[in-house]
């Protein structure tokens, strides 16, 4: 069978037992690997950019540069955390556990996974967690 497209995933209307079949797993593996490559490329670009740092005598210019670098480093830190989630999600695919809620074991849903391939909770479970977090944070 040909590789699935995003449209195929959106239009999938198969039986429940066919959810997260090998074609689905391969589609999401490729999507996650593409995300991983892009993030690693960004990290390499950031490293190069930071190594090219110019010394500037003007304090205002220096402050602007430092703020830009700090923002870039915060972004890369978030991306580093996302890389860890991607690696964890790829392991789930290898173990054939991908696409099911960590809390309930129910299918997460193809549309949610398209929007967020690293999702590990169904929408309901995610909302419950956020509600509980809010209750205990107040």
C-alpha atoms as a PDB file:
ATOM      1  CA  UNK A   1       0.000   0.000   0.000  1.00  0.00           C
ATOM      2  CA  UNK A   2       1.126   3.568  -0.724  1.00  0.00           C
ATOM      3  CA  UNK A   3       2.210   5.837   2.095  1.00  0.00           C
ATOM      4  CA  UNK A   4      -0.624   7.562   3.900  1.00  0.00           C
ATOM      5  CA  UNK A   5      -1.059  11.299   3.577  1.00  0.00           C
ATOM      6  CA  UNK A   6      -2.415  13.726   6.140  1.00  0.00           C
ATOM      7  CA  UNK A   7      -5.672  13.758   4.175  1.00  0.00           C
ATOM      8  CA  UNK A   8      -5.862   9.950   4.409  1.00  0.00           C
ATOM      9  CA  UNK A   9      -5.488  10.223   8.183  1.00  0.00           C
ATOM     10  CA  UNK A  10      -8.153  12.943   8.423  1.00  0.00           C
ATOM     11  CA  UNK A  11     -10.564  10.908   6.300  1.00  0.00           C
ATOM     12  CA  UNK A  12      -9.879   7.539   7.955  1.00  0.00           C
ATOM     13  CA  UNK A  13     -13.093   5.890   8.962  1.00  0.00           C
ATOM     14  CA  UNK A  14     -12.050   2.302   9.570  1.00  0.00           C
ATOM     15  CA  UNK A  15     -13.110  -0.141  12.252  1.00  0.00           C
ATOM     16  CA  UNK A  16     -11.979   0.502  15.815  1.00  0.00           C
ATOM     17  CA  UNK A  17      -9.697  -2.541  15.805  1.00  0.00           C
ATOM     18  CA  UNK A  18      -7.862  -1.070  12.791  1.00  0.00           C
ATOM     19  CA  UNK A  19      -6.984   2.094  14.751  1.00  0.00           C
ATOM     20  CA  UNK A  20      -3.229   2.675  14.880  1.00  0.00           C
ATOM     21  CA  UNK A  21      -2.434   0.002  12.321  1.00  0.00           C
ATOM     22  CA  UNK A  22       1.030  -0.346  10.780  1.00  0.00           C
ATOM     23  CA  UNK A  23       0.282   2.319   8.138  1.00  0.00           C
ATOM     24  CA  UNK A  24      -0.788   4.775  10.839  1.00  0.00           C
ATOM     25  CA  UNK A  25       2.302   3.994  12.922  1.00  0.00           C
ATOM     26  CA  UNK A  26       4.570   4.506   9.913  1.00  0.00           C
ATOM     27  CA  UNK A  27       2.868   7.817   9.044  1.00  0.00           C
ATOM     28  CA  UNK A  28       3.420   9.183  12.563  1.00  0.00           C
ATOM     29  CA  UNK A  29       6.974   7.785  12.758  1.00  0.00           C
ATOM     30  CA  UNK A  30       7.863   9.734   9.610  1.00  0.00           C
ATOM     31  CA  UNK A  31       6.191  12.883  10.941  1.00  0.00           C
ATOM     32  CA  UNK A  32       8.092  12.630  14.239  1.00  0.00           C
ATOM     33  CA  UNK A  33      11.406  11.927  12.495  1.00  0.00           C
ATOM     34  CA  UNK A  34      10.883  15.021  10.315  1.00  0.00           C
ATOM     35  CA  UNK A  35      10.201  17.114  13.427  1.00  0.00           C
ATOM     36  CA  UNK A  36      13.318  15.663  15.058  1.00  0.00           C
ATOM     37  CA  UNK A  37      15.514  16.521  12.043  1.00  0.00           C
ATOM     38  CA  UNK A  38      14.182  20.101  11.978  1.00  0.00           C
ATOM     39  CA  UNK A  39      14.828  20.602  15.684  1.00  0.00           C
ATOM     40  CA  UNK A  40      18.355  19.223  15.424  1.00  0.00           C
ATOM     41  CA  UNK A  41      19.020  21.496  12.456  1.00  0.00           C
ATOM     42  CA  UNK A  42      17.786  24.490  14.486  1.00  0.00           C
ATOM     43  CA  UNK A  43      20.108  23.546  17.335  1.00  0.00           C
ATOM     44  CA  UNK A  44      23.081  23.400  14.968  1.00  0.00           C
ATOM     45  CA  UNK A  45      22.181  26.786  13.510  1.00  0.00           C
ATOM     46  CA  UNK A  46      21.912  28.293  17.000  1.00  0.00           C
ATOM     47  CA  UNK A  47      25.318  26.944  17.977  1.00  0.00           C
ATOM     48  CA  UNK A  48      26.869  28.452  14.849  1.00  0.00           C
ATOM     49  CA  UNK A  49      25.075  31.739  15.410  1.00  0.00           C
ATOM     50  CA  UNK A  50      26.195  32.007  19.026  1.00  0.00           C
ATOM     51  CA  UNK A  51      29.804  31.240  18.049  1.00  0.00           C
ATOM     52  CA  UNK A  52      29.730  34.157  15.596  1.00  0.00           C
ATOM     53  CA  UNK A  53      28.951  36.570  18.430  1.00  0.00           C
ATOM     54  CA  UNK A  54      30.479  39.949  17.804  1.00  0.00           C
ATOM     55  CA  UNK A  55      31.885  42.140  20.528  1.00  0.00           C
ATOM     56  CA  UNK A  56      30.290  45.545  20.350  1.00  0.00           C
ATOM     57  CA  UNK A  57      31.407  48.550  22.370  1.00  0.00           C
ATOM     58  CA  UNK A  58      27.962  50.167  22.452  1.00  0.00           C
ATOM     59  CA  UNK A  59      26.119  49.123  25.651  1.00  0.00           C
ATOM     60  CA  UNK A  60      22.678  49.406  24.005  1.00  0.00           C
ATOM     61  CA  UNK A  61      23.726  47.197  21.087  1.00  0.00           C
ATOM     62  CA  UNK A  62      25.326  44.728  23.486  1.00  0.00           C
ATOM     63  CA  UNK A  63      22.132  44.586  25.597  1.00  0.00           C
ATOM     64  CA  UNK A  64      20.026  43.991  22.492  1.00  0.00           C
ATOM     65  CA  UNK A  65      22.335  41.189  21.359  1.00  0.00           C
ATOM     66  CA  UNK A  66      22.291  39.581  24.790  1.00  0.00           C
ATOM     67  CA  UNK A  67      18.489  39.706  24.880  1.00  0.00           C
ATOM     68  CA  UNK A  68      18.299  38.123  21.424  1.00  0.00           C
ATOM     69  CA  UNK A  69      20.677  35.352  22.498  1.00  0.00           C
ATOM     70  CA  UNK A  70      18.727  34.749  25.709  1.00  0.00           C
ATOM     71  CA  UNK A  71      15.498  34.433  23.729  1.00  0.00           C
ATOM     72  CA  UNK A  72      17.160  32.069  21.279  1.00  0.00           C
ATOM     73  CA  UNK A  73      18.505  29.928  24.111  1.00  0.00           C
ATOM     74  CA  UNK A  74      15.067  29.732  25.786  1.00  0.00           C
ATOM     75  CA  UNK A  75      13.573  28.643  22.479  1.00  0.00           C
ATOM     76  CA  UNK A  76      16.240  25.960  22.067  1.00  0.00           C
ATOM     77  CA  UNK A  77      15.603  24.760  25.623  1.00  0.00           C
ATOM     78  CA  UNK A  78      11.919  24.258  24.795  1.00  0.00           C
ATOM     79  CA  UNK A  79      12.976  22.459  21.624  1.00  0.00           C
ATOM     80  CA  UNK A  80      15.341  20.247  23.637  1.00  0.00           C
ATOM     81  CA  UNK A  81      12.417  19.202  25.820  1.00  0.00           C
ATOM     82  CA  UNK A  82      10.336  18.539  22.712  1.00  0.00           C
ATOM     83  CA  UNK A  83      13.171  16.386  21.328  1.00  0.00           C
ATOM     84  CA  UNK A  84      12.995  14.254  24.466  1.00  0.00           C
ATOM     85  CA  UNK A  85       9.226  13.874  23.985  1.00  0.00           C
ATOM     86  CA  UNK A  86       9.760  12.916  20.355  1.00  0.00           C
ATOM     87  CA  UNK A  87      12.293  10.234  21.347  1.00  0.00           C
ATOM     88  CA  UNK A  88       9.898   8.890  23.969  1.00  0.00           C
ATOM     89  CA  UNK A  89       7.060   8.879  21.437  1.00  0.00           C
ATOM     90  CA  UNK A  90       9.195   7.032  18.869  1.00  0.00           C
ATOM     91  CA  UNK A  91       9.823   4.343  21.511  1.00  0.00           C
ATOM     92  CA  UNK A  92       6.051   4.052  21.990  1.00  0.00           C
ATOM     93  CA  UNK A  93       5.678   3.498  18.246  1.00  0.00           C
ATOM     94  CA  UNK A  94       8.357   0.792  18.345  1.00  0.00           C
ATOM     95  CA  UNK A  95       6.531  -0.872  21.229  1.00  0.00           C
ATOM     96  CA  UNK A  96       3.151  -0.503  19.431  1.00  0.00           C
ATOM     97  CA  UNK A  97       1.788   1.559  22.360  1.00  0.00           C
ATOM     98  CA  UNK A  98       1.430   4.768  20.372  1.00  0.00           C
ATOM     99  CA  UNK A  99      -1.903   6.512  20.023  1.00  0.00           C
ATOM    100  CA  UNK A 100      -3.424   5.391  23.310  1.00  0.00           C
ATOM    101  CA  UNK A 101      -4.013   7.554  26.381  1.00  0.00           C
ATOM    102  CA  UNK A 102      -1.522   7.012  29.217  1.00  0.00           C
ATOM    103  CA  UNK A 103      -4.305   7.523  31.789  1.00  0.00           C
ATOM    104  CA  UNK A 104      -7.227   5.613  30.304  1.00  0.00           C
ATOM    105  CA  UNK A 105      -5.792   3.356  27.603  1.00  0.00           C
ATOM    106  CA  UNK A 106      -8.422   4.701  25.196  1.00  0.00           C
ATOM    107  CA  UNK A 107      -7.486   5.850  21.671  1.00  0.00           C
ATOM    108  CA  UNK A 108      -6.224   9.438  21.627  1.00  0.00           C
ATOM    109  CA  UNK A 109      -7.626   9.993  18.142  1.00  0.00           C
ATOM    110  CA  UNK A 110      -5.979  10.580  14.796  1.00  0.00           C
ATOM    111  CA  UNK A 111      -6.983  14.250  14.551  1.00  0.00           C
ATOM    112  CA  UNK A 112      -5.416  15.054  17.923  1.00  0.00           C
ATOM    113  CA  UNK A 113      -2.268  13.167  16.968  1.00  0.00           C
ATOM    114  CA  UNK A 114      -2.057  15.065  13.694  1.00  0.00           C
ATOM    115  CA  UNK A 115      -2.205  18.324  15.630  1.00  0.00           C
ATOM    116  CA  UNK A 116       0.188  17.114  18.330  1.00  0.00           C
ATOM    117  CA  UNK A 117       2.062  13.924  17.395  1.00  0.00           C
ATOM    118  CA  UNK A 118       3.644  13.709  20.856  1.00  0.00           C
ATOM    119  CA  UNK A 119       0.283  13.733  22.677  1.00  0.00           C
ATOM    120  CA  UNK A 120       0.104  11.029  25.327  1.00  0.00           C
ATOM    121  CA  UNK A 121      -3.343  11.862  26.722  1.00  0.00           C
ATOM    122  CA  UNK A 122      -6.799  12.014  25.197  1.00  0.00           C
ATOM    123  CA  UNK A 123      -8.492  15.412  25.207  1.00  0.00           C
ATOM    124  CA  UNK A 124     -10.693  14.364  28.151  1.00  0.00           C
ATOM    125  CA  UNK A 125      -7.733  13.106  30.193  1.00  0.00           C
ATOM    126  CA  UNK A 126      -5.734  16.252  29.397  1.00  0.00           C
ATOM    127  CA  UNK A 127      -8.634  18.461  30.489  1.00  0.00           C
ATOM    128  CA  UNK A 128      -8.995  16.451  33.722  1.00  0.00           C
ATOM    129  CA  UNK A 129      -5.299  16.880  34.480  1.00  0.00           C
ATOM    130  CA  UNK A 130      -5.434  20.596  33.800  1.00  0.00           C
ATOM    131  CA  UNK A 131      -8.547  20.953  35.960  1.00  0.00           C
ATOM    132  CA  UNK A 132      -6.878  19.039  38.818  1.00  0.00           C
ATOM    133  CA  UNK A 133      -3.712  21.107  38.448  1.00  0.00           C
ATOM    134  CA  UNK A 134      -5.760  24.296  38.612  1.00  0.00           C
ATOM    135  CA  UNK A 135      -7.662  23.069  41.684  1.00  0.00           C
ATOM    136  CA  UNK A 136      -4.470  22.305  43.580  1.00  0.00           C
ATOM    137  CA  UNK A 137      -2.676  25.436  42.391  1.00  0.00           C
ATOM    138  CA  UNK A 138      -5.317  27.787  43.828  1.00  0.00           C
END
